[in-house]
C-alpha atoms as a PDB file:
ATOM      1  CA  MET A   1       8.285   5.567 -26.202  1.00  0.00           C
ATOM      2  CA  ASN A   2       5.221   3.725 -27.240  1.00  0.00           C
ATOM      3  CA  PHE A   3       6.267   0.650 -25.631  1.00  0.00           C
ATOM      4  CA  LEU A   4       6.552   2.745 -22.395  1.00  0.00           C
ATOM      5  CA  LYS A   5       3.202   4.471 -22.478  1.00  0.00           C
ATOM      6  CA  ILE A   6       1.457   1.159 -23.346  1.00  0.00           C
ATOM      7  CA  LEU A   7       2.956  -0.616 -19.959  1.00  0.00           C
ATOM      8  CA  LYS A   8       2.347   2.851 -17.747  1.00  0.00           C
ATOM      9  CA  LYS A   9      -2.023   2.807 -19.074  1.00  0.00           C
ATOM     10  CA  THR A  10      -2.351  -1.293 -19.126  1.00  0.00           C
ATOM     11  CA  VAL A  11      -0.032  -1.864 -15.736  1.00  0.00           C
ATOM     12  CA  ILE A  12       0.183   1.127 -14.210  1.00  0.00           C
ATOM     13  CA  ASP A  13      -3.082   3.052 -14.558  1.00  0.00           C
ATOM     14  CA  SER A  14      -4.962  -0.102 -14.682  1.00  0.00           C
ATOM     15  CA  GLN A  15      -4.276  -0.130 -10.519  1.00  0.00           C
ATOM     16  CA  LEU A  16      -2.518  -3.857 -11.613  1.00  0.00           C
ATOM     17  CA  TYR A  17       1.155  -2.504 -10.339  1.00  0.00           C
ATOM     18  CA  VAL A  18       0.049  -0.857  -6.789  1.00  0.00           C
ATOM     19  CA  SER A  19      -1.934  -4.118  -6.549  1.00  0.00           C
ATOM     20  CA  LEU A  20       0.817  -6.118  -6.709  1.00  0.00           C
ATOM     21  CA  MET A  21       3.265  -4.691  -5.011  1.00  0.00           C
ATOM     22  CA  GLY A  22       0.747  -4.319  -1.726  1.00  0.00           C
ATOM     23  CA  THR A  23       0.511  -8.187  -2.313  1.00  0.00           C
ATOM     24  CA  LEU A  24       4.409  -8.523  -2.425  1.00  0.00           C
ATOM     25  CA  PHE A  25       4.649  -6.365   0.758  1.00  0.00           C
ATOM     26  CA  ALA A  26       2.375  -8.510   2.529  1.00  0.00           C
ATOM     27  CA  VAL A  27       3.982 -11.878   1.280  1.00  0.00           C
ATOM     28  CA  PHE A  28       7.399 -10.784   2.974  1.00  0.00           C
ATOM     29  CA  PHE A  29       5.745 -10.587   6.231  1.00  0.00           C
ATOM     30  CA  MET A  30       3.402 -13.922   5.770  1.00  0.00           C
ATOM     31  CA  LEU A  31       6.813 -15.468   4.741  1.00  0.00           C
ATOM     32  CA  GLU A  32       8.663 -14.284   8.222  1.00  0.00           C
ATOM     33  CA  GLN A  33       5.655 -15.041  10.230  1.00  0.00           C
ATOM     34  CA  ASN A  34       5.457 -18.526   8.223  1.00  0.00           C
ATOM     35  CA  THR A  35       2.354 -17.632   7.576  1.00  0.00           C
ATOM     36  CA  PHE A  36       2.520 -18.295   3.487  1.00  0.00           C
ATOM     37  CA  ARG A  37      -0.709 -19.839   1.591  1.00  0.00           C
ATOM     38  CA  LEU A  38      -1.743 -18.980  -1.589  1.00  0.00           C
ATOM     39  CA  PRO A  39      -5.382 -18.465  -1.698  1.00  0.00           C
ATOM     40  CA  THR A  40      -4.222 -15.511   1.194  1.00  0.00           C
ATOM     41  CA  VAL A  41      -2.246 -14.214  -1.334  1.00  0.00           C
ATOM     42  CA  ILE A  42      -5.067 -14.047  -4.220  1.00  0.00           C
ATOM     43  CA  LEU A  43      -7.327 -12.812  -1.702  1.00  0.00           C
ATOM     44  CA  ILE A  44      -4.857  -9.763  -0.922  1.00  0.00           C
ATOM     45  CA  PHE A  45      -4.389  -8.936  -4.369  1.00  0.00           C
ATOM     46  CA  ILE A  46      -8.079  -9.246  -5.065  1.00  0.00           C
ATOM     47  CA  THR A  47      -8.848  -6.826  -2.295  1.00  0.00           C
ATOM     48  CA  TYR A  48      -6.302  -4.067  -3.235  1.00  0.00           C
ATOM     49  CA  PHE A  49      -7.407  -4.341  -6.924  1.00  0.00           C
ATOM     50  CA  SER A  50     -10.913  -4.143  -6.497  1.00  0.00           C
ATOM     51  CA  GLY A  51     -10.527  -1.492  -3.961  1.00  0.00           C
ATOM     52  CA  TYR A  52      -7.975   0.825  -6.009  1.00  0.00           C
ATOM     53  CA  LEU A  53     -10.770   0.795  -8.873  1.00  0.00           C
ATOM     54  CA  TYR A  54     -13.271   1.841  -6.646  1.00  0.00           C
ATOM     55  CA  THR A  55     -11.395   4.879  -5.884  1.00  0.00           C
ATOM     56  CA  LYS A  56     -10.167   5.559  -9.267  1.00  0.00           C
ATOM     57  CA  TYR A  57     -13.453   5.277 -11.124  1.00  0.00           C
ATOM     58  CA  GLN A  58     -15.980   7.342  -8.978  1.00  0.00           C
ATOM     59  CA  ARG A  59     -17.274  10.051 -10.662  1.00  0.00           C
ATOM     60  CA  THR A  60     -17.182   8.269 -14.020  1.00  0.00           C
ATOM     61  CA  LYS A  61     -19.181   6.602 -16.447  1.00  0.00           C
ATOM     62  CA  HIS A  62     -17.654   3.266 -15.800  1.00  0.00           C
ATOM     63  CA  PHE A  63     -18.772   3.089 -12.060  1.00  0.00           C
ATOM     64  CA  PHE A  64     -21.336   0.883 -12.711  1.00  0.00           C
ATOM     65  CA  LYS A  65     -19.005  -1.597 -13.966  1.00  0.00           C
ATOM     66  CA  ILE A  66     -16.776  -1.020 -11.239  1.00  0.00           C
ATOM     67  CA  LEU A  67     -18.931  -1.885  -8.545  1.00  0.00           C
ATOM     68  CA  VAL A  68     -20.792  -4.886 -10.676  1.00  0.00           C
ATOM     69  CA  LEU A  69     -16.664  -5.445 -10.749  1.00  0.00           C
ATOM     70  CA  ASN A  70     -16.144  -5.529  -6.876  1.00  0.00           C
ATOM     71  CA  ALA A  71     -19.412  -7.363  -6.430  1.00  0.00           C
ATOM     72  CA  VAL A  72     -18.002  -9.965  -8.258  1.00  0.00           C
ATOM     73  CA  ALA A  73     -14.777  -9.734  -6.240  1.00  0.00           C
ATOM     74  CA  GLY A  74     -16.201  -9.680  -3.292  1.00  0.00           C
ATOM     75  CA  VAL A  75     -18.046 -12.864  -3.417  1.00  0.00           C
ATOM     76  CA  ILE A  76     -14.462 -14.973  -4.857  1.00  0.00           C
ATOM     77  CA  CYS A  77     -12.766 -13.264  -1.709  1.00  0.00           C
ATOM     78  CA  ALA A  78     -15.537 -14.248   0.303  1.00  0.00           C
ATOM     79  CA  PHE A  79     -15.513 -17.911  -1.326  1.00  0.00           C
ATOM     80  CA  LEU A  80     -11.580 -18.041  -0.362  1.00  0.00           C
ATOM     81  CA  ILE A  81     -11.754 -17.153   2.833  1.00  0.00           C
ATOM     82  CA  ILE A  82     -14.434 -19.606   3.651  1.00  0.00           C
ATOM     83  CA  HIS A  83     -13.220 -22.405   1.625  1.00  0.00           C
ATOM     84  CA  ASN A  84      -9.805 -21.775   3.084  1.00  0.00           C
ATOM     85  CA  HIS A  85      -9.933 -20.235   6.630  1.00  0.00           C
ATOM     86  CA  ASN A  86     -12.660 -19.234   9.068  1.00  0.00           C
ATOM     87  CA  GLU A  87     -15.720 -16.897   9.743  1.00  0.00           C
ATOM     88  CA  ILE A  88     -12.504 -14.837  11.955  1.00  0.00           C
ATOM     89  CA  ARG A  89     -10.691 -13.993   8.641  1.00  0.00           C
ATOM     90  CA  LEU A  90     -13.848 -13.021   6.896  1.00  0.00           C
ATOM     91  CA  ILE A  91     -14.922 -10.539   9.684  1.00  0.00           C
ATOM     92  CA  LYS A  92     -11.331  -8.964   9.580  1.00  0.00           C
ATOM     93  CA  TRP A  93     -11.351  -8.825   5.607  1.00  0.00           C
ATOM     94  CA  PHE A  94     -14.941  -7.132   6.142  1.00  0.00           C
ATOM     95  CA  ILE A  95     -13.630  -4.637   8.331  1.00  0.00           C
ATOM     96  CA  ILE A  96     -10.950  -3.938   6.173  1.00  0.00           C
ATOM     97  CA  VAL A  97     -12.762  -3.291   3.327  1.00  0.00           C
ATOM     98  CA  VAL A  98     -14.985  -1.049   5.206  1.00  0.00           C
ATOM     99  CA  LEU A  99     -11.852   0.780   6.464  1.00  0.00           C
ATOM    100  CA  GLY A 100     -11.437   1.005   2.493  1.00  0.00           C
ATOM    101  CA  LEU A 101     -14.680   1.993   1.423  1.00  0.00           C
ATOM    102  CA  LEU A 102     -14.653   5.276   4.597  1.00  0.00           C
ATOM    103  CA  TYR A 103     -11.326   6.092   2.804  1.00  0.00           C
ATOM    104  CA  ASN A 104     -12.947   7.882  -0.718  1.00  0.00           C
ATOM    105  CA  SER A 105     -16.780   7.255  -1.066  1.00  0.00           C
ATOM    106  CA  PHE A 106     -18.531  10.269  -2.763  1.00  0.00           C
ATOM    107  CA  PHE A 107     -21.197   9.509  -1.662  1.00  0.00           C
ATOM    108  CA  LEU A 108     -20.515   9.800   2.169  1.00  0.00           C
ATOM    109  CA  ASP A 109     -20.841  13.970   3.255  1.00  0.00           C
ATOM    110  CA  VAL A 110     -17.324  13.324   4.488  1.00  0.00           C
ATOM    111  CA  TYR A 111     -14.598  11.141   3.989  1.00  0.00           C
ATOM    112  CA  ILE A 112     -10.814  10.320   4.854  1.00  0.00           C
ATOM    113  CA  ARG A 113      -9.229  11.819   1.933  1.00  0.00           C
ATOM    114  CA  LYS A 114     -11.262  14.775   1.999  1.00  0.00           C
ATOM    115  CA  ILE A 115      -9.697  15.540   6.045  1.00  0.00           C
ATOM    116  CA  PRO A 116      -6.637  17.317   5.655  1.00  0.00           C
ATOM    117  CA  PHE A 117      -3.395  15.690   6.930  1.00  0.00           C
ATOM    118  CA  LEU A 118      -5.377  12.081   7.806  1.00  0.00           C
ATOM    119  CA  LYS A 119      -4.952  10.793   3.959  1.00  0.00           C
ATOM    120  CA  VAL A 120      -0.986   9.562   4.548  1.00  0.00           C
ATOM    121  CA  PHE A 121      -1.880   7.866   7.995  1.00  0.00           C
ATOM    122  CA  TYR A 122      -4.878   6.470   6.919  1.00  0.00           C
ATOM    123  CA  VAL A 123      -3.267   4.518   3.612  1.00  0.00           C
ATOM    124  CA  GLY A 124      -0.942   2.928   6.347  1.00  0.00           C
ATOM    125  CA  LEU A 125      -3.072   2.094   8.067  1.00  0.00           C
ATOM    126  CA  VAL A 126      -5.092  -0.405   5.701  1.00  0.00           C
ATOM    127  CA  TRP A 127      -2.180  -1.610   4.483  1.00  0.00           C
ATOM    128  CA  ALA A 128      -0.276  -2.236   7.898  1.00  0.00           C
ATOM    129  CA  LEU A 129      -3.920  -4.011   9.286  1.00  0.00           C
ATOM    130  CA  VAL A 130      -3.333  -6.360   6.048  1.00  0.00           C
ATOM    131  CA  ASN A 131       0.312  -7.171   6.868  1.00  0.00           C
ATOM    132  CA  CYS A 132       0.007  -7.673  11.051  1.00  0.00           C
ATOM    133  CA  TRP A 133      -3.819  -8.532  11.222  1.00  0.00           C
ATOM    134  CA  LEU A 134      -5.267 -10.209   8.451  1.00  0.00           C
ATOM    135  CA  THR A 135      -3.446 -12.783   7.765  1.00  0.00           C
ATOM    136  CA  LEU A 136      -2.041 -13.377  11.311  1.00  0.00           C
ATOM    137  CA  HIS A 137      -3.896 -15.424  13.889  1.00  0.00           C
ATOM    138  CA  GLU A 138      -3.079 -12.493  16.162  1.00  0.00           C
ATOM    139  CA  PHE A 139      -2.603  -8.588  16.226  1.00  0.00           C
ATOM    140  CA  ASN A 140       0.934  -8.043  15.815  1.00  0.00           C
ATOM    141  CA  LEU A 141       2.141  -5.039  16.952  1.00  0.00           C
ATOM    142  CA  PRO A 142       5.722  -5.081  15.811  1.00  0.00           C
ATOM    143  CA  ILE A 143       4.353  -5.706  12.118  1.00  0.00           C
ATOM    144  CA  PHE A 144       1.849  -3.235  12.175  1.00  0.00           C
ATOM    145  CA  LEU A 145       4.071  -0.508  13.565  1.00  0.00           C
ATOM    146  CA  ILE A 146       6.654  -1.148  10.848  1.00  0.00           C
ATOM    147  CA  SER A 147       4.247  -1.550   7.942  1.00  0.00           C
ATOM    148  CA  PHE A 148       2.899   1.516   8.887  1.00  0.00           C
ATOM    149  CA  PHE A 149       5.317   3.984   9.126  1.00  0.00           C
ATOM    150  CA  PHE A 150       7.177   2.490   5.757  1.00  0.00           C
ATOM    151  CA  ILE A 151       3.824   2.838   3.992  1.00  0.00           C
ATOM    152  CA  THR A 152       2.986   6.364   5.578  1.00  0.00           C
ATOM    153  CA  ALA A 153       6.486   7.820   4.553  1.00  0.00           C
ATOM    154  CA  LEU A 154       5.551   6.381   0.451  1.00  0.00           C
ATOM    155  CA  VAL A 155       2.853   8.062   0.586  1.00  0.00           C
ATOM    156  CA  LEU A 156       4.172  11.321   1.532  1.00  0.00           C
ATOM    157  CA  PRO A 157       6.327  11.934  -1.679  1.00  0.00           C
ATOM    158  CA  PHE A 158       2.815  11.461  -3.522  1.00  0.00           C
ATOM    159  CA  ASP A 159       1.423  14.405  -1.829  1.00  0.00           C
ATOM    160  CA  ILE A 160       4.777  16.169  -3.200  1.00  0.00           C
ATOM    161  CA  ARG A 161       3.786  14.922  -7.033  1.00  0.00           C
ATOM    162  CA  ASP A 162      -0.145  16.411  -6.139  1.00  0.00           C
ATOM    163  CA  MET A 163       0.457  19.524  -3.796  1.00  0.00           C
ATOM    164  CA  LYS A 164      -0.338  21.707  -6.991  1.00  0.00           C
ATOM    165  CA  SER A 165      -3.456  19.966  -7.744  1.00  0.00           C
ATOM    166  CA  ASP A 166      -5.002  18.739  -4.496  1.00  0.00           C
ATOM    167  CA  THR A 167      -7.815  20.244  -3.100  1.00  0.00           C
ATOM    168  CA  ILE A 168      -7.134  19.422   0.545  1.00  0.00           C
ATOM    169  CA  LYS A 169      -4.130  20.428   2.878  1.00  0.00           C
ATOM    170  CA  THR A 170      -1.325  18.235   2.564  1.00  0.00           C
ATOM    171  CA  PHE A 171       1.930  18.400   4.460  1.00  0.00           C
ATOM    172  CA  PRO A 172       3.846  19.923   1.107  1.00  0.00           C
ATOM    173  CA  MET A 173       1.337  22.317   1.192  1.00  0.00           C
ATOM    174  CA  ILE A 174       1.926  23.478   4.610  1.00  0.00           C
ATOM    175  CA  ILE A 175       5.373  22.861   6.009  1.00  0.00           C
ATOM    176  CA  GLY A 176       7.185  22.542   2.590  1.00  0.00           C
ATOM    177  CA  VAL A 177       8.532  19.944   0.166  1.00  0.00           C
ATOM    178  CA  GLN A 178      11.729  19.362   2.128  1.00  0.00           C
ATOM    179  CA  ASN A 179      10.131  19.213   5.875  1.00  0.00           C
ATOM    180  CA  THR A 180       7.805  16.862   4.039  1.00  0.00           C
ATOM    181  CA  LYS A 181      10.761  14.778   3.021  1.00  0.00           C
ATOM    182  CA  TYR A 182      12.428  14.735   6.526  1.00  0.00           C
ATOM    183  CA  ILE A 183       9.014  13.428   8.176  1.00  0.00           C
ATOM    184  CA  ALA A 184       9.227  10.522   5.317  1.00  0.00           C
ATOM    185  CA  TYR A 185      12.733  10.292   6.097  1.00  0.00           C
ATOM    186  CA  LEU A 186      12.043   9.850   9.831  1.00  0.00           C
ATOM    187  CA  LEU A 187       9.131   7.208   9.109  1.00  0.00           C
ATOM    188  CA  VAL A 188      11.585   4.947   7.255  1.00  0.00           C
ATOM    189  CA  PHE A 189      14.153   5.186   9.994  1.00  0.00           C
ATOM    190  CA  LEU A 190      11.547   4.360  12.508  1.00  0.00           C
ATOM    191  CA  SER A 191      10.211   1.648  10.429  1.00  0.00           C
ATOM    192  CA  SER A 192      13.766   0.237   9.787  1.00  0.00           C
ATOM    193  CA  ILE A 193      15.103  -0.014  13.014  1.00  0.00           C
ATOM    194  CA  LEU A 194      11.745  -1.985  14.774  1.00  0.00           C
ATOM    195  CA  ALA A 195      12.372  -4.226  11.844  1.00  0.00           C
ATOM    196  CA  SER A 196      16.164  -4.931  12.696  1.00  0.00           C
ATOM    197  CA  PHE A 197      14.866  -5.947  16.382  1.00  0.00           C
ATOM    198  CA  TYR A 198      11.879  -7.603  15.287  1.00  0.00           C
ATOM    199  CA  LEU A 199      12.287  -9.325  12.394  1.00  0.00           C
ATOM    200  CA  ASN A 200      14.682 -12.586  11.559  1.00  0.00           C
ATOM    201  CA  LEU A 201      17.832 -11.692   9.993  1.00  0.00           C
ATOM    202  CA  ASN A 202      17.535 -11.950   6.471  1.00  0.00           C
ATOM    203  CA  TYR A 203      14.055  -9.858   6.984  1.00  0.00           C
ATOM    204  CA  SER A 204      16.067  -7.485   8.388  1.00  0.00           C
ATOM    205  CA  ILE A 205      19.021  -6.857   6.296  1.00  0.00           C
ATOM    206  CA  ALA A 206      16.132  -7.262   3.101  1.00  0.00           C
ATOM    207  CA  PHE A 207      14.006  -4.184   5.113  1.00  0.00           C
ATOM    208  CA  PHE A 208      17.305  -2.331   5.506  1.00  0.00           C
ATOM    209  CA  LEU A 209      18.265  -2.266   1.872  1.00  0.00           C
ATOM    210  CA  THR A 210      14.739  -1.284   0.746  1.00  0.00           C
ATOM    211  CA  SER A 211      15.204   1.914   3.264  1.00  0.00           C
ATOM    212  CA  ILE A 212      18.083   2.707   1.697  1.00  0.00           C
ATOM    213  CA  VAL A 213      16.586   3.059  -2.052  1.00  0.00           C
ATOM    214  CA  THR A 214      13.577   4.505  -0.163  1.00  0.00           C
ATOM    215  CA  TYR A 215      15.671   7.403   1.212  1.00  0.00           C
ATOM    216  CA  ILE A 216      16.650   7.870  -2.674  1.00  0.00           C
ATOM    217  CA  PHE A 217      13.723   7.593  -4.211  1.00  0.00           C
ATOM    218  CA  ILE A 218      12.523  10.440  -1.162  1.00  0.00           C
ATOM    219  CA  TYR A 219      15.185  12.222  -1.613  1.00  0.00           C
ATOM    220  CA  PHE A 220      14.689  13.055  -5.365  1.00  0.00           C
ATOM    221  CA  ALA A 221      11.098  13.384  -5.272  1.00  0.00           C
ATOM    222  CA  GLU A 222       9.787  16.530  -6.442  1.00  0.00           C
ATOM    223  CA  ASN A 223       6.643  17.889  -8.267  1.00  0.00           C
ATOM    224  CA  LYS A 224       8.086  18.498 -11.324  1.00  0.00           C
ATOM    225  CA  ARG A 225       8.999  15.067 -11.739  1.00  0.00           C
ATOM    226  CA  ASN A 226       7.296  12.669 -14.497  1.00  0.00           C
ATOM    227  CA  ASP A 227       4.358  10.821 -12.871  1.00  0.00           C
ATOM    228  CA  ALA A 228       5.973   7.237 -13.771  1.00  0.00           C
ATOM    229  CA  TYR A 229       8.656   8.312 -11.037  1.00  0.00           C
ATOM    230  CA  PHE A 230       6.190   8.178  -8.608  1.00  0.00           C
ATOM    231  CA  SER A 231       3.400   5.231  -9.806  1.00  0.00           C
ATOM    232  CA  PHE A 232       6.695   3.476 -10.775  1.00  0.00           C
ATOM    233  CA  GLY A 233       9.461   3.746  -8.719  1.00  0.00           C
ATOM    234  CA  VAL A 234       8.126   4.869  -5.576  1.00  0.00           C
ATOM    235  CA  GLU A 235       5.578   2.348  -6.054  1.00  0.00           C
ATOM    236  CA  THR A 236       8.024  -0.018  -6.577  1.00  0.00           C
ATOM    237  CA  CYS A 237       9.404   0.188  -2.652  1.00  0.00           C
ATOM    238  CA  SER A 238       6.574  -1.561  -1.059  1.00  0.00           C
ATOM    239  CA  ALA A 239       7.973  -4.709  -3.044  1.00  0.00           C
ATOM    240  CA  LEU A 240      11.513  -4.111  -2.319  1.00  0.00           C
ATOM    241  CA  PRO A 241      11.708  -6.012   1.059  1.00  0.00           C
ATOM    242  CA  PHE A 242      10.389  -9.397  -0.779  1.00  0.00           C
ATOM    243  CA  LEU A 243      12.776  -8.589  -3.908  1.00  0.00           C
ATOM    244  CA  PHE A 244      15.811  -8.509  -1.678  1.00  0.00           C
ATOM    245  CA  LEU A 245      14.971 -11.031   0.764  1.00  0.00           C
ATOM    246  CA  VAL A 246      14.841 -13.270  -2.612  1.00  0.00           C
ATOM    247  CA  ILE A 247      18.179 -12.389  -3.429  1.00  0.00           C
ATOM    248  CA  LEU A 248      19.535 -12.460   0.067  1.00  0.00           C
ATOM    249  CA  GLU A 249      17.895 -16.563   0.134  1.00  0.00           C
ATOM    250  CA  TYR A 250      18.426 -18.031  -3.225  1.00  0.00           C
ATOM    251  CA  PHE A 251      20.730 -15.840  -4.885  1.00  0.00           C
END
């Protein structure tokens, strides 16, 4: 039990885990598009990690330290882009970072997280832009839609988890838990169908297997479940396409 608590505090609560899951989700599409480069992977991980730390530690005594850390991370990211890519990639990255700041910055009068119903779609938008735009030479609409639908579906169980503590209106509060699950099922289904049409065979199979596991996690998502079910279980679904791909290609 102590080991699980330490694991949760050092890996999950530290935002390392969600950042790694988001990075592996991006790697899946980079491999499919034959654009995999290690500096880009490092760039994506640092961007996710610093962004989630910024969101978590607002209004805390640690916020100034996080701002300094984010400034250092920004310099590192800019160096990675300039050294390995071009100014267009730098502009794309900057736009995505600004979108992240607009999601949840307490110094703004109105930020995205305070707007009812918009949060789930906005998270899906930012993750999708990383996969379909930041890592590619041109905007890829199929990859955008696959990512957008899938990540939006994964955010909905977190709204179910937080429905008794959220201060803004969310889907579970208005339409109920079961109807929220139906929306998530539909979004996963749409992303899986698009993946089967637009991704190469092994990649579409990996995404289909991921969809099955994701359906199961959505089905059993309830407000009373332990936080680890969501922050570890549901969160892991975003890395499953990559993990299933590794199994299909190497085992």
